């Protein structure tokens, strides 16, 4: 069995949910192949904080595209994985880049895997054709829900290559997760995960404002948190909502840097309200 693996997806520290997926995949590989070398392909620079996290996980970051990444793809088995590797909005990311990486992996004689992805319905013929051809180069494609698997088979990925499994982030061992701490005397502690994509839903702030006010009206404290740390996504909306409630001590926020930051917030909450899967 090949003793090196290279992981491709939306990694690099800007999305905590994706980093949880990377951490979980890395730990699963480590269990079955303790001595395996692990790499992660990145499309941009990373902060020192993220680099330190990858060193702790014993994953070596490699910039893609680069000569170094081509060398790694020649010798390591590719695992393409992430929360959202198929959607209809752009040819570049995620479908275009992922298709290129899958093609290179097969050209170099490897047998890539596509693991635990989410997929939105695909209507654009060119994207459907790319998924049909390039994702079919993988030995197997696992999806984290039935709807996503139906997207892949509907565009022509062979049905015997597609299966449904739980999101790989749920494979994280219980002994590394913080335990929930009950709050018997104080008001209910509710964490609201701000989920936002300015390209698809620019008007979401009203929904969150009304939700937060409703929670405050029934006596809860509210903590805001974001998974995607880019200004055009969760973090940008969190900052706007945070400003609206700056004078209210019952509304606080967290801007996480690592997966463990998010886990600690969840462990100190009585409930989490989120449209993302991982909470």
C-alpha atoms as a PDB file:
ATOM      1  CA  UNK A   1       0.000   0.000   0.000  1.00  0.00           C
ATOM      2  CA  UNK A   2       1.259   3.470  -0.887  1.00  0.00           C
ATOM      3  CA  UNK A   3       2.736   5.031   2.247  1.00  0.00           C
ATOM      4  CA  UNK A   4       2.123   8.659   1.383  1.00  0.00           C
ATOM      5  CA  UNK A   5      -1.116  10.588   0.938  1.00  0.00           C
ATOM      6  CA  UNK A   6      -1.911  14.035  -0.407  1.00  0.00           C
ATOM      7  CA  UNK A   7      -5.168  15.729   0.558  1.00  0.00           C
ATOM      8  CA  UNK A   8      -6.917  18.320  -1.616  1.00  0.00           C
ATOM      9  CA  UNK A   9      -9.886  20.517  -0.776  1.00  0.00           C
ATOM     10  CA  UNK A  10     -10.812  23.917   0.630  1.00  0.00           C
ATOM     11  CA  UNK A  11      -8.005  23.952   3.163  1.00  0.00           C
ATOM     12  CA  UNK A  12      -5.604  26.611   4.363  1.00  0.00           C
ATOM     13  CA  UNK A  13      -7.319  27.811   7.522  1.00  0.00           C
ATOM     14  CA  UNK A  14     -10.073  30.044   6.151  1.00  0.00           C
ATOM     15  CA  UNK A  15     -12.915  27.624   6.961  1.00  0.00           C
ATOM     16  CA  UNK A  16     -12.994  25.881  10.338  1.00  0.00           C
ATOM     17  CA  UNK A  17     -15.417  23.212   9.112  1.00  0.00           C
ATOM     18  CA  UNK A  18     -13.037  22.222   6.320  1.00  0.00           C
ATOM     19  CA  UNK A  19     -10.149  22.180   8.797  1.00  0.00           C
ATOM     20  CA  UNK A  20     -12.157  19.757  10.954  1.00  0.00           C
ATOM     21  CA  UNK A  21     -12.537  17.508   7.901  1.00  0.00           C
ATOM     22  CA  UNK A  22      -8.788  17.684   7.250  1.00  0.00           C
ATOM     23  CA  UNK A  23      -7.995  16.881  10.881  1.00  0.00           C
ATOM     24  CA  UNK A  24     -10.371  13.908  10.867  1.00  0.00           C
ATOM     25  CA  UNK A  25      -9.010  12.495   7.587  1.00  0.00           C
ATOM     26  CA  UNK A  26      -5.457  12.885   8.829  1.00  0.00           C
ATOM     27  CA  UNK A  27      -6.222  11.020  12.055  1.00  0.00           C
ATOM     28  CA  UNK A  28      -7.941   8.183  10.163  1.00  0.00           C
ATOM     29  CA  UNK A  29      -4.931   7.811   7.871  1.00  0.00           C
ATOM     30  CA  UNK A  30      -2.626   7.872  10.893  1.00  0.00           C
ATOM     31  CA  UNK A  31      -4.567   5.012  12.488  1.00  0.00           C
ATOM     32  CA  UNK A  32      -4.318   2.733   9.457  1.00  0.00           C
ATOM     33  CA  UNK A  33      -0.882   3.866   8.203  1.00  0.00           C
ATOM     34  CA  UNK A  34       1.024   5.253  11.206  1.00  0.00           C
ATOM     35  CA  UNK A  35       4.217   5.945   9.257  1.00  0.00           C
ATOM     36  CA  UNK A  36       2.583   7.431   6.165  1.00  0.00           C
ATOM     37  CA  UNK A  37       3.733  10.832   4.982  1.00  0.00           C
ATOM     38  CA  UNK A  38       0.831  13.281   4.700  1.00  0.00           C
ATOM     39  CA  UNK A  39       0.616  16.400   2.523  1.00  0.00           C
ATOM     40  CA  UNK A  40      -2.095  18.993   1.975  1.00  0.00           C
ATOM     41  CA  UNK A  41      -2.330  20.934  -1.299  1.00  0.00           C
ATOM     42  CA  UNK A  42      -3.048  24.649  -0.862  1.00  0.00           C
ATOM     43  CA  UNK A  43      -3.922  27.280  -3.452  1.00  0.00           C
ATOM     44  CA  UNK A  44      -2.569  30.214  -1.445  1.00  0.00           C
ATOM     45  CA  UNK A  45      -0.395  31.288   1.447  1.00  0.00           C
ATOM     46  CA  UNK A  46      -1.241  30.357   5.022  1.00  0.00           C
ATOM     47  CA  UNK A  47      -0.728  32.166   8.294  1.00  0.00           C
ATOM     48  CA  UNK A  48       1.860  31.070  10.832  1.00  0.00           C
ATOM     49  CA  UNK A  49      -1.015  30.030  13.091  1.00  0.00           C
ATOM     50  CA  UNK A  50      -2.323  27.611  10.439  1.00  0.00           C
ATOM     51  CA  UNK A  51       1.200  26.397   9.637  1.00  0.00           C
ATOM     52  CA  UNK A  52       1.717  25.612  13.327  1.00  0.00           C
ATOM     53  CA  UNK A  53      -1.558  23.675  13.364  1.00  0.00           C
ATOM     54  CA  UNK A  54      -0.448  21.579  10.385  1.00  0.00           C
ATOM     55  CA  UNK A  55       2.902  20.870  12.050  1.00  0.00           C
ATOM     56  CA  UNK A  56       1.017  19.643  15.108  1.00  0.00           C
ATOM     57  CA  UNK A  57      -1.065  17.358  12.905  1.00  0.00           C
ATOM     58  CA  UNK A  58       2.107  16.245  11.036  1.00  0.00           C
ATOM     59  CA  UNK A  59       0.752  17.378   7.671  1.00  0.00           C
ATOM     60  CA  UNK A  60       3.124  19.109   5.247  1.00  0.00           C
ATOM     61  CA  UNK A  61       1.577  21.983   3.254  1.00  0.00           C
ATOM     62  CA  UNK A  62       2.422  22.124  -0.469  1.00  0.00           C
ATOM     63  CA  UNK A  63       1.510  24.992  -2.783  1.00  0.00           C
ATOM     64  CA  UNK A  64      -0.511  24.017  -5.873  1.00  0.00           C
ATOM     65  CA  UNK A  65       0.256  24.431  -8.689  1.00  0.00           C
ATOM     66  CA  UNK A  66       4.017  24.098  -8.308  1.00  0.00           C
ATOM     67  CA  UNK A  67       6.789  21.681  -9.294  1.00  0.00           C
ATOM     68  CA  UNK A  68       6.775  20.426  -5.717  1.00  0.00           C
ATOM     69  CA  UNK A  69       3.066  19.597  -5.935  1.00  0.00           C
ATOM     70  CA  UNK A  70       3.596  17.646  -9.161  1.00  0.00           C
ATOM     71  CA  UNK A  71       6.323  15.606  -7.479  1.00  0.00           C
ATOM     72  CA  UNK A  72       4.020  14.866  -4.557  1.00  0.00           C
ATOM     73  CA  UNK A  73       1.150  13.854  -6.858  1.00  0.00           C
ATOM     74  CA  UNK A  74       3.487  11.384  -8.600  1.00  0.00           C
ATOM     75  CA  UNK A  75       4.185   9.479  -5.397  1.00  0.00           C
ATOM     76  CA  UNK A  76       1.238  10.029  -3.035  1.00  0.00           C
ATOM     77  CA  UNK A  77      -2.302   8.746  -3.220  1.00  0.00           C
ATOM     78  CA  UNK A  78      -4.719  11.621  -3.656  1.00  0.00           C
ATOM     79  CA  UNK A  79      -7.704  12.125  -1.359  1.00  0.00           C
ATOM     80  CA  UNK A  80      -9.981  14.905  -2.600  1.00  0.00           C
ATOM     81  CA  UNK A  81     -12.314  15.820   0.207  1.00  0.00           C
ATOM     82  CA  UNK A  82     -14.219  18.697   1.703  1.00  0.00           C
ATOM     83  CA  UNK A  83     -17.567  19.991   2.727  1.00  0.00           C
ATOM     84  CA  UNK A  84     -18.615  21.337  -0.663  1.00  0.00           C
ATOM     85  CA  UNK A  85     -16.732  20.097  -3.729  1.00  0.00           C
ATOM     86  CA  UNK A  86     -19.528  20.352  -6.276  1.00  0.00           C
ATOM     87  CA  UNK A  87     -21.632  23.365  -7.160  1.00  0.00           C
ATOM     88  CA  UNK A  88     -22.808  25.135 -10.282  1.00  0.00           C
ATOM     89  CA  UNK A  89     -21.475  28.642  -9.713  1.00  0.00           C
ATOM     90  CA  UNK A  90     -17.962  28.568 -11.152  1.00  0.00           C
ATOM     91  CA  UNK A  91     -15.639  26.505 -13.315  1.00  0.00           C
ATOM     92  CA  UNK A  92     -12.599  27.436 -11.241  1.00  0.00           C
ATOM     93  CA  UNK A  93     -13.354  26.440  -7.664  1.00  0.00           C
ATOM     94  CA  UNK A  94     -14.254  23.856  -6.728  1.00  0.00           C
ATOM     95  CA  UNK A  95     -14.987  21.775  -9.836  1.00  0.00           C
ATOM     96  CA  UNK A  96     -12.266  23.096 -12.154  1.00  0.00           C
ATOM     97  CA  UNK A  97      -9.313  22.838  -9.778  1.00  0.00           C
ATOM     98  CA  UNK A  98     -10.520  19.526  -8.372  1.00  0.00           C
ATOM     99  CA  UNK A  99     -10.904  18.098 -11.878  1.00  0.00           C
ATOM    100  CA  UNK A 100      -7.336  19.134 -12.714  1.00  0.00           C
ATOM    101  CA  UNK A 101      -5.934  17.530  -9.583  1.00  0.00           C
ATOM    102  CA  UNK A 102      -7.873  14.295 -10.201  1.00  0.00           C
ATOM    103  CA  UNK A 103      -6.627  14.182 -13.803  1.00  0.00           C
ATOM    104  CA  UNK A 104      -2.998  14.713 -12.769  1.00  0.00           C
ATOM    105  CA  UNK A 105      -3.276  12.000 -10.157  1.00  0.00           C
ATOM    106  CA  UNK A 106      -4.494   9.448 -12.717  1.00  0.00           C
ATOM    107  CA  UNK A 107      -1.896  10.518 -15.300  1.00  0.00           C
ATOM    108  CA  UNK A 108       0.757   9.812 -12.661  1.00  0.00           C
ATOM    109  CA  UNK A 109      -0.658   6.305 -12.132  1.00  0.00           C
ATOM    110  CA  UNK A 110      -2.414   6.906  -8.818  1.00  0.00           C
ATOM    111  CA  UNK A 111      -5.960   5.911  -7.898  1.00  0.00           C
ATOM    112  CA  UNK A 112      -7.549   8.930  -6.224  1.00  0.00           C
ATOM    113  CA  UNK A 113     -10.445   8.948  -3.789  1.00  0.00           C
ATOM    114  CA  UNK A 114     -13.151  11.589  -3.429  1.00  0.00           C
ATOM    115  CA  UNK A 115     -14.370  11.492   0.157  1.00  0.00           C
ATOM    116  CA  UNK A 116     -17.363  12.879   2.053  1.00  0.00           C
ATOM    117  CA  UNK A 117     -18.315  15.712  -0.248  1.00  0.00           C
ATOM    118  CA  UNK A 118     -21.441  17.795  -0.400  1.00  0.00           C
ATOM    119  CA  UNK A 119     -22.883  18.562  -3.834  1.00  0.00           C
ATOM    120  CA  UNK A 120     -25.415  21.131  -5.011  1.00  0.00           C
ATOM    121  CA  UNK A 121     -27.586  20.485  -8.087  1.00  0.00           C
ATOM    122  CA  UNK A 122     -25.696  21.055 -11.349  1.00  0.00           C
ATOM    123  CA  UNK A 123     -27.456  22.660 -14.325  1.00  0.00           C
ATOM    124  CA  UNK A 124     -24.604  24.024 -16.456  1.00  0.00           C
ATOM    125  CA  UNK A 125     -23.700  21.426 -19.124  1.00  0.00           C
ATOM    126  CA  UNK A 126     -19.964  22.134 -19.060  1.00  0.00           C
ATOM    127  CA  UNK A 127     -19.733  21.619 -15.287  1.00  0.00           C
ATOM    128  CA  UNK A 128     -21.842  18.460 -15.520  1.00  0.00           C
ATOM    129  CA  UNK A 129     -19.490  17.110 -18.220  1.00  0.00           C
ATOM    130  CA  UNK A 130     -16.408  17.888 -16.125  1.00  0.00           C
ATOM    131  CA  UNK A 131     -17.846  16.114 -13.094  1.00  0.00           C
ATOM    132  CA  UNK A 132     -18.904  13.109 -15.185  1.00  0.00           C
ATOM    133  CA  UNK A 133     -15.446  12.646 -16.673  1.00  0.00           C
ATOM    134  CA  UNK A 134     -12.979  13.807 -14.038  1.00  0.00           C
ATOM    135  CA  UNK A 135     -14.744  12.705 -10.836  1.00  0.00           C
ATOM    136  CA  UNK A 136     -15.222   9.299 -12.478  1.00  0.00           C
ATOM    137  CA  UNK A 137     -11.423   8.955 -12.515  1.00  0.00           C
ATOM    138  CA  UNK A 138     -11.582   8.387  -8.758  1.00  0.00           C
ATOM    139  CA  UNK A 139     -11.739   4.865  -7.375  1.00  0.00           C
ATOM    140  CA  UNK A 140     -14.703   5.864  -5.253  1.00  0.00           C
ATOM    141  CA  UNK A 141     -16.737   8.978  -4.464  1.00  0.00           C
ATOM    142  CA  UNK A 142     -18.396   9.129  -1.081  1.00  0.00           C
ATOM    143  CA  UNK A 143     -21.033  11.748  -0.320  1.00  0.00           C
ATOM    144  CA  UNK A 144     -22.236  12.945   3.048  1.00  0.00           C
ATOM    145  CA  UNK A 145     -25.932  12.763   2.134  1.00  0.00           C
ATOM    146  CA  UNK A 146     -28.196  11.025  -0.378  1.00  0.00           C
ATOM    147  CA  UNK A 147     -29.029  14.245  -2.225  1.00  0.00           C
ATOM    148  CA  UNK A 148     -25.328  14.827  -2.976  1.00  0.00           C
ATOM    149  CA  UNK A 149     -24.877  11.269  -4.257  1.00  0.00           C
ATOM    150  CA  UNK A 150     -27.838  11.773  -6.582  1.00  0.00           C
ATOM    151  CA  UNK A 151     -26.183  14.883  -8.023  1.00  0.00           C
ATOM    152  CA  UNK A 152     -23.099  12.846  -8.984  1.00  0.00           C
ATOM    153  CA  UNK A 153     -25.041   9.962 -10.523  1.00  0.00           C
ATOM    154  CA  UNK A 154     -27.407  12.342 -12.345  1.00  0.00           C
ATOM    155  CA  UNK A 155     -24.506  13.868 -14.291  1.00  0.00           C
ATOM    156  CA  UNK A 156     -23.083  10.460 -15.173  1.00  0.00           C
ATOM    157  CA  UNK A 157     -20.627   9.368 -12.470  1.00  0.00           C
ATOM    158  CA  UNK A 158     -21.000   5.547 -12.421  1.00  0.00           C
ATOM    159  CA  UNK A 159     -23.376   4.484  -9.670  1.00  0.00           C
ATOM    160  CA  UNK A 160     -21.043   1.727  -8.462  1.00  0.00           C
ATOM    161  CA  UNK A 161     -18.451   4.396  -7.639  1.00  0.00           C
ATOM    162  CA  UNK A 162     -20.811   6.511  -5.520  1.00  0.00           C
ATOM    163  CA  UNK A 163     -21.836   5.778  -1.948  1.00  0.00           C
ATOM    164  CA  UNK A 164     -23.106   7.702   1.080  1.00  0.00           C
ATOM    165  CA  UNK A 165     -21.221   7.932   4.370  1.00  0.00           C
ATOM    166  CA  UNK A 166     -21.402  10.274   7.316  1.00  0.00           C
ATOM    167  CA  UNK A 167     -19.330  13.434   7.155  1.00  0.00           C
ATOM    168  CA  UNK A 168     -15.756  12.511   7.998  1.00  0.00           C
ATOM    169  CA  UNK A 169     -15.570  15.216  10.692  1.00  0.00           C
ATOM    170  CA  UNK A 170     -17.813  13.001  12.814  1.00  0.00           C
ATOM    171  CA  UNK A 171     -14.993  10.438  12.917  1.00  0.00           C
ATOM    172  CA  UNK A 172     -13.042  12.611  15.356  1.00  0.00           C
ATOM    173  CA  UNK A 173     -12.402  10.640  18.530  1.00  0.00           C
ATOM    174  CA  UNK A 174     -14.503  11.508  21.531  1.00  0.00           C
ATOM    175  CA  UNK A 175     -11.458  11.599  23.777  1.00  0.00           C
ATOM    176  CA  UNK A 176     -10.045  14.635  21.951  1.00  0.00           C
ATOM    177  CA  UNK A 177     -13.314  16.593  22.064  1.00  0.00           C
ATOM    178  CA  UNK A 178     -14.114  18.818  25.051  1.00  0.00           C
ATOM    179  CA  UNK A 179     -16.974  17.685  27.259  1.00  0.00           C
ATOM    180  CA  UNK A 180     -20.126  19.732  27.621  1.00  0.00           C
ATOM    181  CA  UNK A 181     -20.301  21.679  30.862  1.00  0.00           C
ATOM    182  CA  UNK A 182     -23.782  22.162  32.297  1.00  0.00           C
ATOM    183  CA  UNK A 183     -24.930  25.632  33.341  1.00  0.00           C
ATOM    184  CA  UNK A 184     -27.440  25.053  36.145  1.00  0.00           C
ATOM    185  CA  UNK A 185     -27.810  28.523  37.582  1.00  0.00           C
ATOM    186  CA  UNK A 186     -27.448  30.981  34.719  1.00  0.00           C
ATOM    187  CA  UNK A 187     -29.667  31.719  31.710  1.00  0.00           C
ATOM    188  CA  UNK A 188     -29.625  29.375  28.696  1.00  0.00           C
ATOM    189  CA  UNK A 189     -26.450  29.809  26.640  1.00  0.00           C
ATOM    190  CA  UNK A 190     -27.178  29.711  22.918  1.00  0.00           C
ATOM    191  CA  UNK A 191     -24.488  29.772  20.247  1.00  0.00           C
ATOM    192  CA  UNK A 192     -25.601  30.995  16.821  1.00  0.00           C
ATOM    193  CA  UNK A 193     -23.361  30.002  13.911  1.00  0.00           C
ATOM    194  CA  UNK A 194     -23.441  32.810  11.358  1.00  0.00           C
ATOM    195  CA  UNK A 195     -23.584  31.256   7.896  1.00  0.00           C
ATOM    196  CA  UNK A 196     -23.243  33.583   4.939  1.00  0.00           C
ATOM    197  CA  UNK A 197     -22.214  33.674   1.289  1.00  0.00           C
ATOM    198  CA  UNK A 198     -22.484  37.184  -0.161  1.00  0.00           C
ATOM    199  CA  UNK A 199     -22.750  35.753  -3.693  1.00  0.00           C
ATOM    200  CA  UNK A 200     -25.880  33.716  -3.063  1.00  0.00           C
ATOM    201  CA  UNK A 201     -27.702  35.273  -0.099  1.00  0.00           C
ATOM    202  CA  UNK A 202     -26.800  38.937   0.443  1.00  0.00           C
ATOM    203  CA  UNK A 203     -29.823  39.649   2.664  1.00  0.00           C
ATOM    204  CA  UNK A 204     -29.328  37.158   5.473  1.00  0.00           C
ATOM    205  CA  UNK A 205     -28.554  39.732   8.186  1.00  0.00           C
ATOM    206  CA  UNK A 206     -32.252  40.406   8.871  1.00  0.00           C
ATOM    207  CA  UNK A 207     -32.881  36.730   9.619  1.00  0.00           C
ATOM    208  CA  UNK A 208     -30.076  36.609  12.175  1.00  0.00           C
ATOM    209  CA  UNK A 209     -31.059  39.906  13.763  1.00  0.00           C
ATOM    210  CA  UNK A 210     -34.617  38.658  14.313  1.00  0.00           C
ATOM    211  CA  UNK A 211     -33.375  35.302  15.626  1.00  0.00           C
ATOM    212  CA  UNK A 212     -31.009  36.922  18.112  1.00  0.00           C
ATOM    213  CA  UNK A 213     -33.685  39.331  19.355  1.00  0.00           C
ATOM    214  CA  UNK A 214     -36.120  36.446  19.868  1.00  0.00           C
ATOM    215  CA  UNK A 215     -33.538  34.570  21.947  1.00  0.00           C
ATOM    216  CA  UNK A 216     -32.837  37.665  24.022  1.00  0.00           C
ATOM    217  CA  UNK A 217     -36.564  38.219  24.573  1.00  0.00           C
ATOM    218  CA  UNK A 218     -36.926  34.800  26.251  1.00  0.00           C
ATOM    219  CA  UNK A 219     -33.930  35.378  28.533  1.00  0.00           C
ATOM    220  CA  UNK A 220     -31.077  33.622  26.709  1.00  0.00           C
ATOM    221  CA  UNK A 221     -27.521  34.784  26.306  1.00  0.00           C
ATOM    222  CA  UNK A 222     -26.261  34.622  22.734  1.00  0.00           C
ATOM    223  CA  UNK A 223     -22.784  33.915  21.441  1.00  0.00           C
ATOM    224  CA  UNK A 224     -22.032  34.447  17.763  1.00  0.00           C
ATOM    225  CA  UNK A 225     -19.449  32.375  15.931  1.00  0.00           C
ATOM    226  CA  UNK A 226     -18.320  31.894  12.322  1.00  0.00           C
ATOM    227  CA  UNK A 227     -16.866  28.887  10.526  1.00  0.00           C
ATOM    228  CA  UNK A 228     -15.785  30.633   7.318  1.00  0.00           C
ATOM    229  CA  UNK A 229     -13.328  33.371   8.263  1.00  0.00           C
ATOM    230  CA  UNK A 230     -13.320  35.288   4.960  1.00  0.00           C
ATOM    231  CA  UNK A 231     -14.870  38.794   4.882  1.00  0.00           C
ATOM    232  CA  UNK A 232     -17.293  37.899   2.075  1.00  0.00           C
ATOM    233  CA  UNK A 233     -18.601  34.926   4.000  1.00  0.00           C
ATOM    234  CA  UNK A 234     -19.520  34.153   7.610  1.00  0.00           C
ATOM    235  CA  UNK A 235     -17.048  36.488   9.297  1.00  0.00           C
ATOM    236  CA  UNK A 236     -18.132  39.592   7.388  1.00  0.00           C
ATOM    237  CA  UNK A 237     -21.759  39.160   8.425  1.00  0.00           C
ATOM    238  CA  UNK A 238     -20.766  38.301  12.009  1.00  0.00           C
ATOM    239  CA  UNK A 239     -18.903  41.609  12.306  1.00  0.00           C
ATOM    240  CA  UNK A 240     -21.963  43.551  11.090  1.00  0.00           C
ATOM    241  CA  UNK A 241     -24.297  41.781  13.516  1.00  0.00           C
ATOM    242  CA  UNK A 242     -21.769  42.175  16.331  1.00  0.00           C
ATOM    243  CA  UNK A 243     -21.788  45.950  15.758  1.00  0.00           C
ATOM    244  CA  UNK A 244     -25.590  46.032  16.020  1.00  0.00           C
ATOM    245  CA  UNK A 245     -25.456  44.470  19.513  1.00  0.00           C
ATOM    246  CA  UNK A 246     -22.264  46.072  20.793  1.00  0.00           C
ATOM    247  CA  UNK A 247     -24.049  47.711  23.737  1.00  0.00           C
ATOM    248  CA  UNK A 248     -25.742  44.494  24.898  1.00  0.00           C
ATOM    249  CA  UNK A 249     -23.606  42.424  27.308  1.00  0.00           C
ATOM    250  CA  UNK A 250     -25.787  39.362  26.679  1.00  0.00           C
ATOM    251  CA  UNK A 251     -24.515  39.145  23.091  1.00  0.00           C
ATOM    252  CA  UNK A 252     -20.876  38.125  22.639  1.00  0.00           C
ATOM    253  CA  UNK A 253     -18.920  36.736  19.725  1.00  0.00           C
ATOM    254  CA  UNK A 254     -16.008  34.445  18.939  1.00  0.00           C
ATOM    255  CA  UNK A 255     -13.690  34.698  15.951  1.00  0.00           C
ATOM    256  CA  UNK A 256     -12.006  31.287  16.006  1.00  0.00           C
ATOM    257  CA  UNK A 257      -8.538  30.545  14.687  1.00  0.00           C
ATOM    258  CA  UNK A 258      -8.508  26.755  15.104  1.00  0.00           C
ATOM    259  CA  UNK A 259     -10.937  23.862  15.232  1.00  0.00           C
ATOM    260  CA  UNK A 260     -10.386  23.560  18.976  1.00  0.00           C
ATOM    261  CA  UNK A 261     -11.579  27.157  19.467  1.00  0.00           C
ATOM    262  CA  UNK A 262     -14.962  26.235  17.985  1.00  0.00           C
ATOM    263  CA  UNK A 263     -15.185  23.009  19.978  1.00  0.00           C
ATOM    264  CA  UNK A 264     -14.598  24.885  23.232  1.00  0.00           C
ATOM    265  CA  UNK A 265     -17.429  27.297  22.410  1.00  0.00           C
ATOM    266  CA  UNK A 266     -19.824  24.436  21.637  1.00  0.00           C
ATOM    267  CA  UNK A 267     -18.842  22.638  24.850  1.00  0.00           C
ATOM    268  CA  UNK A 268     -19.760  25.733  26.865  1.00  0.00           C
ATOM    269  CA  UNK A 269     -23.148  26.170  25.161  1.00  0.00           C
ATOM    270  CA  UNK A 270     -26.537  24.690  26.014  1.00  0.00           C
ATOM    271  CA  UNK A 271     -27.593  24.650  22.352  1.00  0.00           C
ATOM    272  CA  UNK A 272     -26.146  25.524  18.962  1.00  0.00           C
ATOM    273  CA  UNK A 273     -28.286  26.943  16.159  1.00  0.00           C
ATOM    274  CA  UNK A 274     -26.661  26.419  12.769  1.00  0.00           C
ATOM    275  CA  UNK A 275     -27.369  25.598   9.144  1.00  0.00           C
ATOM    276  CA  UNK A 276     -23.914  24.067   8.898  1.00  0.00           C
ATOM    277  CA  UNK A 277     -23.503  20.366   9.496  1.00  0.00           C
ATOM    278  CA  UNK A 278     -20.670  20.087  12.006  1.00  0.00           C
ATOM    279  CA  UNK A 279     -22.214  21.605  15.137  1.00  0.00           C
END
